[in-house]
Amino acid sequence: MSFDTAKGTNIRTDASMLKLSDLIQERSHKNASLDESNGTLRDDVDTLAGREDGSSEAEDAKLAALEKNAGTQKLKGKAVTVTLNDAPPNATAKLPGYPEPQPDYLVIHQQDLQAVVNALWQGGAQGIKVMDQRLISTSAVRCVGNTLILQGRVYSPPYKITAIGDPQKLQKALAASPAIQNYMVYVNVYGLGWKVEEDGTVTLPGYSGTVDLHYAKPVE
């Protein structure tokens, strides 16, 4: 059986096997390229539609407002950026009374990223970018192990979340979040990374991926 499977090759060599991590990275780069191409095509379609549909100024203004809220257009304004990072691998408890860290204590989890995003929306954010991607209503912030998977792309820490809005209200909302208050305990005790910066005026990119909803269909 081994002879038939190998067909004269070494079936144990690593060179003949595609690592899962390499496959994920390859698909992530491909998705990024497709998103960029999709965004360019969408701009072309919007330009052509604007020339041909003969819509009124009121309709155009209404469409522009909807596109702004949908996150598909660029957004400019004052911004705050939150950076989260894993703790050093050799971290120990900095304060007495706390146990020595378990591996889970030292890495950024999905709920940490979600807590920041939720707090920024609660603080009146007009738009949010996670890493290099704009969030929309169907965006899902998910982590697998110590990597972030967002809209088909894979990211490693440090994670940067940028929100446009009133900087004071955004920072106040971050400080008021119970989930972030809990995260700050791990920052102070085990050294998880946390940084909040005012960026001045920045421009967030428009979301360039597909906006179609995908759902399961019954097999006929």
N, C-alpha and C. Protein backbone atom coordinates (compact mmCIF):
# COMPACT_ATOMS: atom_id res chain seq x y z
N MET A 1 0.82 -1.20 0.00
CA MET A 1 0.00 0.00 0.00
C MET A 1 0.86 1.26 0.00
N SER A 2 1.92 1.25 0.85
CA SER A 2 2.83 2.40 0.88
C SER A 2 3.52 2.59 -0.46
N PHE A 3 3.89 1.45 -1.11
CA PHE A 3 4.54 1.53 -2.41
C PHE A 3 3.61 2.16 -3.45
N ASP A 4 2.34 1.73 -3.44
CA ASP A 4 1.38 2.27 -4.40
C ASP A 4 1.13 3.75 -4.15
N THR A 5 1.09 4.15 -2.87
CA THR A 5 0.86 5.56 -2.54
C THR A 5 2.04 6.42 -2.93
N ALA A 6 3.26 5.96 -2.63
CA ALA A 6 4.46 6.76 -2.88
C ALA A 6 4.77 6.88 -4.35
N LYS A 7 4.57 5.80 -5.11
CA LYS A 7 4.89 5.78 -6.53
C LYS A 7 6.33 6.24 -6.79
N GLY A 8 7.24 5.73 -5.97
CA GLY A 8 8.65 6.03 -6.15
C GLY A 8 9.13 7.28 -5.48
N THR A 9 8.28 8.00 -4.74
CA THR A 9 8.69 9.22 -4.05
C THR A 9 8.72 8.97 -2.55
N ASN A 10 9.31 9.91 -1.83
CA ASN A 10 9.38 9.84 -0.38
C ASN A 10 8.13 10.48 0.20
N ILE A 11 7.22 9.68 0.73
CA ILE A 11 5.94 10.21 1.19
C ILE A 11 6.06 10.95 2.52
N ARG A 12 7.20 10.92 3.17
CA ARG A 12 7.36 11.60 4.44
C ARG A 12 8.06 12.95 4.30
N THR A 13 8.50 13.32 3.13
CA THR A 13 9.23 14.58 2.99
C THR A 13 8.28 15.75 3.16
N ASP A 14 8.71 16.79 3.87
CA ASP A 14 7.90 17.97 4.09
C ASP A 14 7.71 18.76 2.80
N ALA A 15 8.67 18.63 1.88
CA ALA A 15 8.61 19.42 0.65
C ALA A 15 7.43 19.04 -0.21
N SER A 16 6.91 17.82 -0.06
CA SER A 16 5.81 17.38 -0.90
C SER A 16 4.45 17.67 -0.30
N MET A 17 4.43 18.29 0.88
CA MET A 17 3.17 18.54 1.57
C MET A 17 2.96 20.04 1.73
N LEU A 18 1.78 20.50 1.40
CA LEU A 18 1.45 21.91 1.54
C LEU A 18 0.97 22.18 2.96
N LYS A 19 1.69 23.02 3.68
CA LYS A 19 1.32 23.32 5.05
C LYS A 19 0.03 24.14 5.07
N LEU A 20 -0.80 23.86 6.07
CA LEU A 20 -2.06 24.57 6.18
C LEU A 20 -1.84 26.07 6.33
N SER A 21 -0.82 26.47 7.11
CA SER A 21 -0.56 27.89 7.31
C SER A 21 -0.19 28.57 6.00
N ASP A 22 0.58 27.86 5.16
CA ASP A 22 0.95 28.43 3.86
C ASP A 22 -0.29 28.60 2.98
N LEU A 23 -1.19 27.62 3.04
CA LEU A 23 -2.41 27.70 2.25
C LEU A 23 -3.27 28.88 2.69
N ILE A 24 -3.38 29.09 4.00
CA ILE A 24 -4.17 30.21 4.52
C ILE A 24 -3.59 31.53 4.06
N GLN A 25 -2.25 31.67 4.15
CA GLN A 25 -1.62 32.91 3.71
C GLN A 25 -1.81 33.14 2.22
N GLU A 26 -1.71 32.06 1.44
CA GLU A 26 -1.89 32.18 0.00
C GLU A 26 -3.31 32.67 -0.32
N ARG A 27 -4.31 32.06 0.33
CA ARG A 27 -5.69 32.47 0.10
C ARG A 27 -5.92 33.91 0.57
N SER A 28 -5.27 34.29 1.67
CA SER A 28 -5.42 35.65 2.18
C SER A 28 -4.91 36.67 1.17
N HIS A 29 -3.74 36.42 0.59
CA HIS A 29 -3.20 37.33 -0.42
C HIS A 29 -4.10 37.38 -1.65
N LYS A 30 -4.63 36.22 -2.04
CA LYS A 30 -5.51 36.17 -3.20
C LYS A 30 -6.79 36.96 -2.94
N ASN A 31 -7.35 36.82 -1.73
CA ASN A 31 -8.56 37.57 -1.38
C ASN A 31 -8.31 39.06 -1.39
N ALA A 32 -7.14 39.48 -0.91
CA ALA A 32 -6.80 40.90 -0.91
C ALA A 32 -6.74 41.43 -2.34
N SER A 33 -6.14 40.67 -3.23
CA SER A 33 -6.05 41.09 -4.63
C SER A 33 -7.43 41.17 -5.27
N LEU A 34 -8.29 40.19 -4.96
CA LEU A 34 -9.64 40.19 -5.52
C LEU A 34 -10.46 41.35 -4.98
N ASP A 35 -10.29 41.68 -3.70
CA ASP A 35 -11.01 42.82 -3.12
C ASP A 35 -10.61 44.11 -3.81
N GLU A 36 -9.31 44.27 -4.07
CA GLU A 36 -8.83 45.48 -4.74
C GLU A 36 -9.41 45.58 -6.15
N SER A 37 -9.42 44.46 -6.86
CA SER A 37 -9.98 44.45 -8.21
C SER A 37 -11.48 44.73 -8.18
N ASN A 38 -12.16 44.16 -7.18
CA ASN A 38 -13.60 44.38 -7.05
C ASN A 38 -13.91 45.84 -6.77
N GLY A 39 -13.09 46.48 -5.92
CA GLY A 39 -13.29 47.89 -5.62
C GLY A 39 -13.13 48.76 -6.85
N THR A 40 -12.14 48.46 -7.69
CA THR A 40 -11.92 49.22 -8.92
C THR A 40 -13.10 49.07 -9.87
N LEU A 41 -13.59 47.84 -10.03
CA LEU A 41 -14.73 47.61 -10.90
C LEU A 41 -15.98 48.32 -10.38
N ARG A 42 -16.15 48.33 -9.05
CA ARG A 42 -17.31 49.00 -8.47
C ARG A 42 -17.25 50.50 -8.75
N ASP A 43 -16.07 51.10 -8.66
CA ASP A 43 -15.91 52.51 -8.97
C ASP A 43 -16.29 52.79 -10.42
N ASP A 44 -15.87 51.90 -11.32
CA ASP A 44 -16.20 52.06 -12.74
C ASP A 44 -17.71 51.99 -12.96
N VAL A 45 -18.35 51.02 -12.29
CA VAL A 45 -19.80 50.87 -12.42
C VAL A 45 -20.52 52.10 -11.89
N ASP A 46 -20.08 52.62 -10.74
CA ASP A 46 -20.71 53.80 -10.16
C ASP A 46 -20.57 55.00 -11.08
N THR A 47 -19.39 55.12 -11.70
CA THR A 47 -19.17 56.24 -12.62
C THR A 47 -20.10 56.15 -13.82
N LEU A 48 -20.21 54.96 -14.41
CA LEU A 48 -21.09 54.77 -15.55
C LEU A 48 -22.55 54.97 -15.18
N ALA A 49 -22.93 54.48 -14.01
CA ALA A 49 -24.31 54.63 -13.56
C ALA A 49 -24.66 56.10 -13.37
N GLY A 50 -23.70 56.87 -12.86
CA GLY A 50 -23.93 58.30 -12.66
C GLY A 50 -24.13 59.03 -13.96
N ARG A 51 -23.53 58.55 -15.03
CA ARG A 51 -23.66 59.21 -16.32
C ARG A 51 -24.98 58.87 -17.02
N GLU A 52 -25.50 57.65 -16.74
CA GLU A 52 -26.58 57.13 -17.56
C GLU A 52 -27.95 57.12 -16.91
N ASP A 53 -28.01 57.14 -15.57
CA ASP A 53 -29.32 56.91 -14.96
C ASP A 53 -30.22 58.15 -14.95
N GLY A 54 -29.64 59.34 -15.10
CA GLY A 54 -30.45 60.55 -15.15
C GLY A 54 -31.20 60.83 -13.87
N SER A 55 -30.68 60.40 -12.73
CA SER A 55 -31.36 60.60 -11.46
C SER A 55 -31.28 62.06 -11.03
N SER A 56 -32.20 62.47 -10.16
CA SER A 56 -32.25 63.85 -9.69
C SER A 56 -31.18 64.09 -8.64
N GLU A 57 -30.94 65.37 -8.35
CA GLU A 57 -29.95 65.73 -7.32
C GLU A 57 -30.37 65.20 -5.96
N ALA A 58 -31.67 65.23 -5.67
CA ALA A 58 -32.15 64.71 -4.38
C ALA A 58 -31.88 63.22 -4.25
N GLU A 59 -32.10 62.49 -5.34
CA GLU A 59 -31.85 61.05 -5.32
C GLU A 59 -30.37 60.75 -5.18
N ASP A 60 -29.55 61.57 -5.87
CA ASP A 60 -28.10 61.39 -5.76
C ASP A 60 -27.62 61.64 -4.33
N ALA A 61 -28.18 62.68 -3.69
CA ALA A 61 -27.80 63.00 -2.32
C ALA A 61 -28.22 61.88 -1.36
N LYS A 62 -29.40 61.32 -1.60
CA LYS A 62 -29.87 60.22 -0.76
C LYS A 62 -28.99 59.00 -0.92
N LEU A 63 -28.60 58.71 -2.18
CA LEU A 63 -27.73 57.57 -2.44
C LEU A 63 -26.36 57.77 -1.79
N ALA A 64 -25.83 59.00 -1.86
CA ALA A 64 -24.53 59.29 -1.26
C ALA A 64 -24.56 59.08 0.24
N ALA A 65 -25.68 59.48 0.88
CA ALA A 65 -25.82 59.29 2.33
C ALA A 65 -25.87 57.81 2.69
N LEU A 66 -26.59 57.04 1.88
CA LEU A 66 -26.67 55.60 2.12
C LEU A 66 -25.31 54.94 1.94
N GLU A 67 -24.57 55.35 0.91
CA GLU A 67 -23.24 54.78 0.68
C GLU A 67 -22.30 55.11 1.84
N LYS A 68 -22.43 56.32 2.38
CA LYS A 68 -21.59 56.72 3.52
C LYS A 68 -21.87 55.83 4.72
N ASN A 69 -23.16 55.62 5.00
CA ASN A 69 -23.53 54.79 6.15
C ASN A 69 -23.16 53.32 5.92
N ALA A 70 -23.17 52.90 4.67
CA ALA A 70 -22.84 51.51 4.36
C ALA A 70 -21.35 51.23 4.46
N GLY A 71 -20.52 52.27 4.43
CA GLY A 71 -19.08 52.08 4.56
C GLY A 71 -18.38 51.77 3.26
N THR A 72 -19.05 51.94 2.13
CA THR A 72 -18.43 51.62 0.85
C THR A 72 -17.67 52.81 0.25
N GLN A 73 -17.79 53.98 0.88
CA GLN A 73 -17.08 55.16 0.40
C GLN A 73 -16.03 55.59 1.41
N LYS A 74 -15.01 56.30 0.93
CA LYS A 74 -13.98 56.81 1.83
C LYS A 74 -14.60 57.77 2.84
N LEU A 75 -13.98 57.81 4.02
CA LEU A 75 -14.48 58.67 5.10
C LEU A 75 -13.30 59.42 5.73
N LYS A 76 -13.43 60.74 5.82
CA LYS A 76 -12.36 61.57 6.36
C LYS A 76 -12.81 62.27 7.63
N GLY A 77 -11.93 62.31 8.62
CA GLY A 77 -12.26 62.99 9.87
C GLY A 77 -11.22 62.72 10.94
N LYS A 78 -11.45 63.29 12.13
CA LYS A 78 -10.56 63.06 13.25
C LYS A 78 -10.69 61.62 13.73
N ALA A 79 -9.56 61.03 14.10
CA ALA A 79 -9.57 59.60 14.40
C ALA A 79 -8.78 59.25 15.65
N VAL A 80 -9.14 58.11 16.19
CA VAL A 80 -8.43 57.50 17.32
C VAL A 80 -8.04 56.09 16.90
N THR A 81 -6.81 55.70 17.22
CA THR A 81 -6.35 54.35 16.90
C THR A 81 -6.02 53.60 18.19
N VAL A 82 -6.55 52.38 18.30
CA VAL A 82 -6.26 51.50 19.43
C VAL A 82 -5.39 50.36 18.93
N THR A 83 -4.28 50.11 19.62
CA THR A 83 -3.38 49.02 19.25
C THR A 83 -3.34 47.99 20.38
N LEU A 84 -3.61 46.73 20.03
CA LEU A 84 -3.53 45.63 20.98
C LEU A 84 -2.44 44.67 20.54
N ASN A 85 -1.72 44.13 21.52
CA ASN A 85 -0.62 43.23 21.18
C ASN A 85 -0.49 42.14 22.24
N ASP A 86 0.08 41.00 21.82
CA ASP A 86 0.34 39.91 22.76
C ASP A 86 1.37 40.35 23.80
N ALA A 87 1.36 39.71 24.94
CA ALA A 87 2.37 39.95 25.97
C ALA A 87 3.66 39.25 25.57
N PRO A 88 4.79 39.65 26.17
CA PRO A 88 6.04 38.93 25.91
C PRO A 88 5.91 37.45 26.31
N PRO A 89 6.54 36.54 25.58
CA PRO A 89 6.40 35.11 25.89
C PRO A 89 6.92 34.72 27.26
N ASN A 90 7.84 35.52 27.82
CA ASN A 90 8.40 35.21 29.15
C ASN A 90 7.75 36.04 30.25
N ALA A 91 6.54 36.55 30.01
CA ALA A 91 5.87 37.42 30.97
C ALA A 91 5.55 36.68 32.27
N THR A 92 5.64 37.39 33.36
CA THR A 92 5.25 36.88 34.68
C THR A 92 4.31 37.88 35.33
N ALA A 93 3.66 37.46 36.41
CA ALA A 93 2.74 38.35 37.10
C ALA A 93 3.52 39.53 37.71
N LYS A 94 3.10 40.75 37.38
CA LYS A 94 3.80 41.94 37.86
C LYS A 94 3.32 42.39 39.23
N LEU A 95 2.14 41.93 39.64
CA LEU A 95 1.56 42.36 40.91
C LEU A 95 1.36 41.16 41.81
N PRO A 96 1.54 41.33 43.12
CA PRO A 96 1.35 40.20 44.05
C PRO A 96 -0.12 39.79 44.12
N GLY A 97 -0.32 38.51 44.38
CA GLY A 97 -1.68 37.99 44.53
C GLY A 97 -2.27 37.43 43.26
N TYR A 98 -1.54 37.54 42.15
CA TYR A 98 -2.03 37.01 40.88
C TYR A 98 -1.24 35.76 40.51
N PRO A 99 -1.89 34.78 39.90
CA PRO A 99 -1.18 33.54 39.53
C PRO A 99 -0.23 33.78 38.36
N GLU A 100 0.73 32.90 38.21
CA GLU A 100 1.60 32.97 37.05
C GLU A 100 0.77 32.72 35.79
N PRO A 101 1.10 33.36 34.71
CA PRO A 101 0.21 33.33 33.54
C PRO A 101 0.14 31.99 32.84
N GLN A 102 -1.06 31.66 32.39
CA GLN A 102 -1.27 30.56 31.47
C GLN A 102 -1.10 31.10 30.04
N PRO A 103 -0.85 30.24 29.06
CA PRO A 103 -0.67 30.73 27.68
C PRO A 103 -1.82 31.61 27.20
N ASP A 104 -3.06 31.29 27.59
CA ASP A 104 -4.20 32.08 27.15
C ASP A 104 -4.19 33.50 27.71
N TYR A 105 -3.49 33.70 28.83
CA TYR A 105 -3.44 35.03 29.42
C TYR A 105 -2.61 35.99 28.58
N LEU A 106 -1.75 35.48 27.72
CA LEU A 106 -0.71 36.30 27.10
C LEU A 106 -1.00 36.65 25.64
N VAL A 107 -2.16 36.26 25.13
CA VAL A 107 -2.47 36.54 23.73
C VAL A 107 -3.79 37.30 23.61
N ILE A 108 -3.92 38.02 22.49
CA ILE A 108 -5.15 38.75 22.21
C ILE A 108 -6.22 37.76 21.74
N HIS A 109 -7.41 37.88 22.32
CA HIS A 109 -8.50 37.01 21.95
C HIS A 109 -9.56 37.76 21.15
N GLN A 110 -10.42 36.99 20.53
CA GLN A 110 -11.49 37.57 19.71
C GLN A 110 -12.33 38.55 20.50
N GLN A 111 -12.66 38.21 21.74
CA GLN A 111 -13.52 39.08 22.54
C GLN A 111 -12.84 40.42 22.85
N ASP A 112 -11.50 40.44 22.89
CA ASP A 112 -10.79 41.70 23.14
C ASP A 112 -10.97 42.66 21.97
N LEU A 113 -10.81 42.13 20.75
CA LEU A 113 -10.99 42.95 19.56
C LEU A 113 -12.44 43.39 19.43
N GLN A 114 -13.37 42.47 19.69
CA GLN A 114 -14.77 42.82 19.61
C GLN A 114 -15.15 43.87 20.64
N ALA A 115 -14.55 43.80 21.82
CA ALA A 115 -14.84 44.79 22.86
C ALA A 115 -14.44 46.19 22.42
N VAL A 116 -13.28 46.30 21.77
CA VAL A 116 -12.82 47.60 21.29
C VAL A 116 -13.73 48.13 20.20
N VAL A 117 -14.06 47.27 19.23
CA VAL A 117 -14.94 47.69 18.13
C VAL A 117 -16.30 48.13 18.66
N ASN A 118 -16.88 47.34 19.56
CA ASN A 118 -18.19 47.67 20.12
C ASN A 118 -18.16 48.98 20.90
N ALA A 119 -17.10 49.19 21.66
CA ALA A 119 -16.99 50.43 22.44
C ALA A 119 -16.87 51.65 21.52
N LEU A 120 -16.13 51.51 20.44
CA LEU A 120 -15.98 52.62 19.51
C LEU A 120 -17.29 52.96 18.82
N TRP A 121 -18.06 51.93 18.43
CA TRP A 121 -19.39 52.21 17.88
C TRP A 121 -20.25 52.90 18.94
N GLN A 122 -20.17 52.40 20.18
CA GLN A 122 -20.95 52.99 21.27
C GLN A 122 -20.56 54.45 21.48
N GLY A 123 -19.30 54.77 21.23
CA GLY A 123 -18.82 56.15 21.39
C GLY A 123 -19.12 57.05 20.22
N GLY A 124 -19.90 56.57 19.27
CA GLY A 124 -20.31 57.42 18.16
C GLY A 124 -19.41 57.38 16.94
N ALA A 125 -18.64 56.33 16.78
CA ALA A 125 -17.76 56.23 15.62
C ALA A 125 -18.58 56.29 14.33
N GLN A 126 -18.11 57.09 13.38
CA GLN A 126 -18.77 57.19 12.08
C GLN A 126 -18.28 56.10 11.13
N GLY A 127 -17.10 55.59 11.38
CA GLY A 127 -16.53 54.53 10.56
C GLY A 127 -15.36 53.91 11.30
N ILE A 128 -15.11 52.62 11.07
CA ILE A 128 -14.02 51.92 11.76
C ILE A 128 -13.24 51.09 10.75
N LYS A 129 -11.93 51.12 10.92
CA LYS A 129 -11.03 50.28 10.12
C LYS A 129 -10.28 49.35 11.07
N VAL A 130 -10.28 48.05 10.78
CA VAL A 130 -9.47 47.08 11.52
C VAL A 130 -8.33 46.65 10.61
N MET A 131 -7.11 46.87 11.05
CA MET A 131 -5.92 46.69 10.22
C MET A 131 -6.08 47.56 8.98
N ASP A 132 -6.17 46.98 7.77
CA ASP A 132 -6.30 47.81 6.57
C ASP A 132 -7.68 47.70 5.93
N GLN A 133 -8.67 47.18 6.67
CA GLN A 133 -9.99 46.96 6.11
C GLN A 133 -11.09 47.73 6.84
N ARG A 134 -11.97 48.32 6.08
CA ARG A 134 -13.13 49.04 6.62
C ARG A 134 -14.19 48.03 7.05
N LEU A 135 -14.79 48.27 8.19
CA LEU A 135 -15.87 47.41 8.66
C LEU A 135 -17.20 47.88 8.10
N ILE A 136 -18.08 46.92 7.79
CA ILE A 136 -19.45 47.22 7.41
C ILE A 136 -20.37 46.42 8.31
N SER A 137 -21.69 46.52 8.06
CA SER A 137 -22.65 45.92 8.99
C SER A 137 -22.54 44.40 9.04
N THR A 138 -22.02 43.77 7.99
CA THR A 138 -21.91 42.31 7.97
C THR A 138 -20.52 41.81 8.33
N SER A 139 -19.62 42.71 8.71
CA SER A 139 -18.25 42.30 9.05
C SER A 139 -18.25 41.51 10.36
N ALA A 140 -17.41 40.46 10.40
CA ALA A 140 -17.28 39.64 11.61
C ALA A 140 -15.81 39.58 12.00
N VAL A 141 -15.51 40.00 13.22
CA VAL A 141 -14.14 39.95 13.73
C VAL A 141 -13.95 38.61 14.42
N ARG A 142 -13.14 37.72 13.81
CA ARG A 142 -12.96 36.37 14.35
C ARG A 142 -11.48 36.05 14.49
N CYS A 143 -11.14 35.30 15.51
CA CYS A 143 -9.76 34.86 15.72
C CYS A 143 -9.70 33.34 15.69
N VAL A 144 -8.66 32.83 15.09
CA VAL A 144 -8.35 31.40 15.11
C VAL A 144 -6.94 31.27 15.66
N GLY A 145 -6.82 30.68 16.85
CA GLY A 145 -5.52 30.68 17.52
C GLY A 145 -5.13 32.11 17.86
N ASN A 146 -3.92 32.49 17.48
CA ASN A 146 -3.48 33.86 17.75
C ASN A 146 -3.45 34.70 16.47
N THR A 147 -4.32 34.37 15.50
CA THR A 147 -4.42 35.15 14.28
C THR A 147 -5.85 35.65 14.09
N LEU A 148 -5.96 36.80 13.46
CA LEU A 148 -7.26 37.41 13.15
C LEU A 148 -7.63 37.08 11.72
N ILE A 149 -8.87 36.61 11.52
CA ILE A 149 -9.40 36.39 10.18
C ILE A 149 -10.54 37.38 9.98
N LEU A 150 -10.34 38.29 9.04
CA LEU A 150 -11.32 39.35 8.79
C LEU A 150 -11.60 39.43 7.30
N GLN A 151 -12.83 39.12 6.93
CA GLN A 151 -13.29 39.27 5.54
C GLN A 151 -12.35 38.57 4.55
N GLY A 152 -11.93 37.34 4.96
CA GLY A 152 -11.14 36.51 4.07
C GLY A 152 -9.64 36.73 4.13
N ARG A 153 -9.17 37.63 4.98
CA ARG A 153 -7.74 37.87 5.10
C ARG A 153 -7.27 37.52 6.50
N VAL A 154 -5.98 37.19 6.60
CA VAL A 154 -5.40 36.74 7.88
C VAL A 154 -4.40 37.77 8.37
N TYR A 155 -4.46 38.08 9.66
CA TYR A 155 -3.56 39.08 10.26
C TYR A 155 -2.98 38.53 11.57
N SER A 156 -1.78 38.99 11.88
CA SER A 156 -1.12 38.65 13.14
C SER A 156 -0.95 39.92 13.97
N PRO A 157 -0.83 39.80 15.30
CA PRO A 157 -0.65 40.98 16.13
C PRO A 157 0.70 41.65 15.85
N PRO A 158 0.80 42.95 16.15
CA PRO A 158 -0.20 43.81 16.82
C PRO A 158 -1.37 44.16 15.92
N TYR A 159 -2.54 44.32 16.55
CA TYR A 159 -3.77 44.64 15.85
C TYR A 159 -4.08 46.12 16.04
N LYS A 160 -4.38 46.81 14.94
CA LYS A 160 -4.71 48.24 15.00
C LYS A 160 -6.15 48.46 14.56
N ILE A 161 -6.88 49.21 15.38
CA ILE A 161 -8.28 49.54 15.10
C ILE A 161 -8.40 51.06 15.09
N THR A 162 -8.82 51.62 13.97
CA THR A 162 -8.91 53.07 13.81
C THR A 162 -10.37 53.47 13.62
N ALA A 163 -10.81 54.47 14.38
CA ALA A 163 -12.20 54.93 14.30
C ALA A 163 -12.23 56.43 14.10
N ILE A 164 -13.12 56.88 13.22
CA ILE A 164 -13.33 58.31 13.02
C ILE A 164 -14.55 58.74 13.83
N GLY A 165 -14.38 59.84 14.54
CA GLY A 165 -15.45 60.37 15.38
C GLY A 165 -14.88 61.42 16.31
N ASP A 166 -15.63 61.78 17.33
CA ASP A 166 -15.16 62.72 18.34
C ASP A 166 -14.14 62.00 19.22
N PRO A 167 -12.85 62.41 19.18
CA PRO A 167 -11.82 61.68 19.94
C PRO A 167 -12.13 61.54 21.43
N GLN A 168 -12.67 62.58 22.04
CA GLN A 168 -12.96 62.52 23.47
C GLN A 168 -14.06 61.51 23.77
N LYS A 169 -15.11 61.51 22.95
CA LYS A 169 -16.21 60.56 23.17
C LYS A 169 -15.74 59.13 22.93
N LEU A 170 -14.90 58.94 21.92
CA LEU A 170 -14.40 57.60 21.63
C LEU A 170 -13.57 57.06 22.79
N GLN A 171 -12.68 57.90 23.32
CA GLN A 171 -11.83 57.46 24.42
C GLN A 171 -12.64 57.25 25.70
N LYS A 172 -13.66 58.07 25.89
CA LYS A 172 -14.53 57.91 27.06
C LYS A 172 -15.27 56.58 26.98
N ALA A 173 -15.73 56.22 25.78
CA ALA A 173 -16.44 54.95 25.60
C ALA A 173 -15.51 53.76 25.83
N LEU A 174 -14.26 53.88 25.40
CA LEU A 174 -13.29 52.81 25.64
C LEU A 174 -13.08 52.60 27.14
N ALA A 175 -12.92 53.71 27.86
CA ALA A 175 -12.67 53.62 29.31
C ALA A 175 -13.87 53.08 30.07
N ALA A 176 -15.08 53.30 29.54
CA ALA A 176 -16.30 52.89 30.24
C ALA A 176 -16.68 51.44 29.97
N SER A 177 -16.06 50.80 29.01
CA SER A 177 -16.43 49.43 28.64
C SER A 177 -16.00 48.43 29.72
N PRO A 178 -16.90 47.66 30.30
CA PRO A 178 -16.52 46.64 31.29
C PRO A 178 -15.57 45.60 30.72
N ALA A 179 -15.77 45.22 29.46
CA ALA A 179 -14.89 44.21 28.85
C ALA A 179 -13.47 44.74 28.72
N ILE A 180 -13.33 46.02 28.38
CA ILE A 180 -12.00 46.61 28.26
C ILE A 180 -11.38 46.82 29.64
N GLN A 181 -12.20 47.14 30.62
CA GLN A 181 -11.68 47.26 31.98
C GLN A 181 -11.09 45.93 32.45
N ASN A 182 -11.74 44.83 32.10
CA ASN A 182 -11.20 43.51 32.43
C ASN A 182 -9.90 43.26 31.67
N TYR A 183 -9.87 43.65 30.40
CA TYR A 183 -8.64 43.49 29.60
C TYR A 183 -7.49 44.27 30.23
N MET A 184 -7.79 45.45 30.77
CA MET A 184 -6.74 46.28 31.35
C MET A 184 -6.08 45.63 32.56
N VAL A 185 -6.81 44.74 33.24
CA VAL A 185 -6.20 43.99 34.34
C VAL A 185 -5.04 43.15 33.81
N TYR A 186 -5.25 42.50 32.67
CA TYR A 186 -4.20 41.68 32.06
C TYR A 186 -3.08 42.54 31.49
N VAL A 187 -3.41 43.75 31.08
CA VAL A 187 -2.37 44.69 30.63
C VAL A 187 -1.45 45.03 31.79
N ASN A 188 -2.04 45.35 32.92
CA ASN A 188 -1.26 45.79 34.08
C ASN A 188 -0.54 44.64 34.79
N VAL A 189 -1.12 43.44 34.74
CA VAL A 189 -0.53 42.32 35.48
C VAL A 189 0.42 41.51 34.61
N TYR A 190 0.03 41.24 33.36
CA TYR A 190 0.81 40.32 32.52
C TYR A 190 1.47 40.97 31.31
N GLY A 191 1.21 42.25 31.09
CA GLY A 191 1.92 42.95 30.03
C GLY A 191 1.31 42.87 28.64
N LEU A 192 0.01 42.57 28.53
CA LEU A 192 -0.63 42.65 27.22
C LEU A 192 -0.51 44.07 26.67
N GLY A 193 -0.39 44.19 25.36
CA GLY A 193 -0.19 45.51 24.76
C GLY A 193 -1.48 46.30 24.65
N TRP A 194 -1.40 47.60 24.96
CA TRP A 194 -2.56 48.49 24.86
C TRP A 194 -2.06 49.91 24.63
N LYS A 195 -2.52 50.53 23.55
CA LYS A 195 -2.13 51.91 23.24
C LYS A 195 -3.30 52.60 22.56
N VAL A 196 -3.64 53.80 23.03
CA VAL A 196 -4.69 54.61 22.42
C VAL A 196 -4.07 55.93 21.99
N GLU A 197 -4.21 56.26 20.69
CA GLU A 197 -3.58 57.46 20.15
C GLU A 197 -4.59 58.27 19.34
N GLU A 198 -4.50 59.59 19.45
CA GLU A 198 -5.26 60.47 18.56
C GLU A 198 -4.43 60.69 17.30
N ASP A 199 -5.04 60.43 16.15
CA ASP A 199 -4.31 60.47 14.89
C ASP A 199 -4.46 61.77 14.13
N GLY A 200 -5.24 62.73 14.64
CA GLY A 200 -5.54 63.91 13.84
C GLY A 200 -6.55 63.55 12.77
N THR A 201 -6.46 64.18 11.63
CA THR A 201 -7.40 63.91 10.54
C THR A 201 -6.85 62.82 9.63
N VAL A 202 -7.64 61.77 9.43
CA VAL A 202 -7.24 60.66 8.58
C VAL A 202 -8.38 60.33 7.61
N THR A 203 -8.08 59.51 6.62
CA THR A 203 -9.09 59.05 5.67
C THR A 203 -9.16 57.53 5.72
N LEU A 204 -10.33 57.01 6.04
CA LEU A 204 -10.54 55.57 6.03
C LEU A 204 -10.91 55.13 4.61
N PRO A 205 -10.41 53.97 4.18
CA PRO A 205 -10.79 53.48 2.86
C PRO A 205 -12.24 53.01 2.86
N GLY A 206 -12.86 52.99 1.70
CA GLY A 206 -14.17 52.39 1.57
C GLY A 206 -14.03 50.87 1.53
N TYR A 207 -15.04 50.19 2.00
CA TYR A 207 -15.04 48.73 1.93
C TYR A 207 -15.07 48.31 0.46
N SER A 208 -14.15 47.40 0.09
CA SER A 208 -14.01 47.03 -1.32
C SER A 208 -14.46 45.60 -1.63
N GLY A 209 -14.89 44.86 -0.61
CA GLY A 209 -15.31 43.49 -0.84
C GLY A 209 -16.74 43.41 -1.33
N THR A 210 -17.23 42.19 -1.47
CA THR A 210 -18.60 42.00 -1.92
C THR A 210 -19.58 42.37 -0.82
N VAL A 211 -20.71 42.92 -1.23
CA VAL A 211 -21.76 43.27 -0.26
C VAL A 211 -22.96 42.34 -0.38
N ASP A 212 -22.83 41.33 -1.23
CA ASP A 212 -23.91 40.34 -1.36
C ASP A 212 -23.95 39.45 -0.12
N LEU A 213 -25.16 39.08 0.30
CA LEU A 213 -25.32 38.18 1.43
C LEU A 213 -25.22 36.74 0.94
N HIS A 214 -24.46 35.93 1.67
CA HIS A 214 -24.31 34.52 1.34
C HIS A 214 -24.96 33.70 2.44
N TYR A 215 -25.74 32.73 2.06
CA TYR A 215 -26.43 31.93 3.05
C TYR A 215 -26.59 30.51 2.52
N ALA A 216 -26.82 29.58 3.45
CA ALA A 216 -26.96 28.18 3.08
C ALA A 216 -28.27 27.96 2.33
N LYS A 217 -28.22 27.07 1.36
CA LYS A 217 -29.40 26.72 0.59
C LYS A 217 -29.70 25.23 0.75
N PRO A 218 -30.97 24.87 0.85
CA PRO A 218 -31.29 23.45 0.99
C PRO A 218 -30.95 22.67 -0.29
N VAL A 219 -30.54 21.44 -0.13
CA VAL A 219 -30.24 20.59 -1.27
C VAL A 219 -31.54 20.01 -1.81
N GLU A 220 -31.76 20.18 -3.09
CA GLU A 220 -32.98 19.69 -3.70
C GLU A 220 -32.82 18.25 -4.16
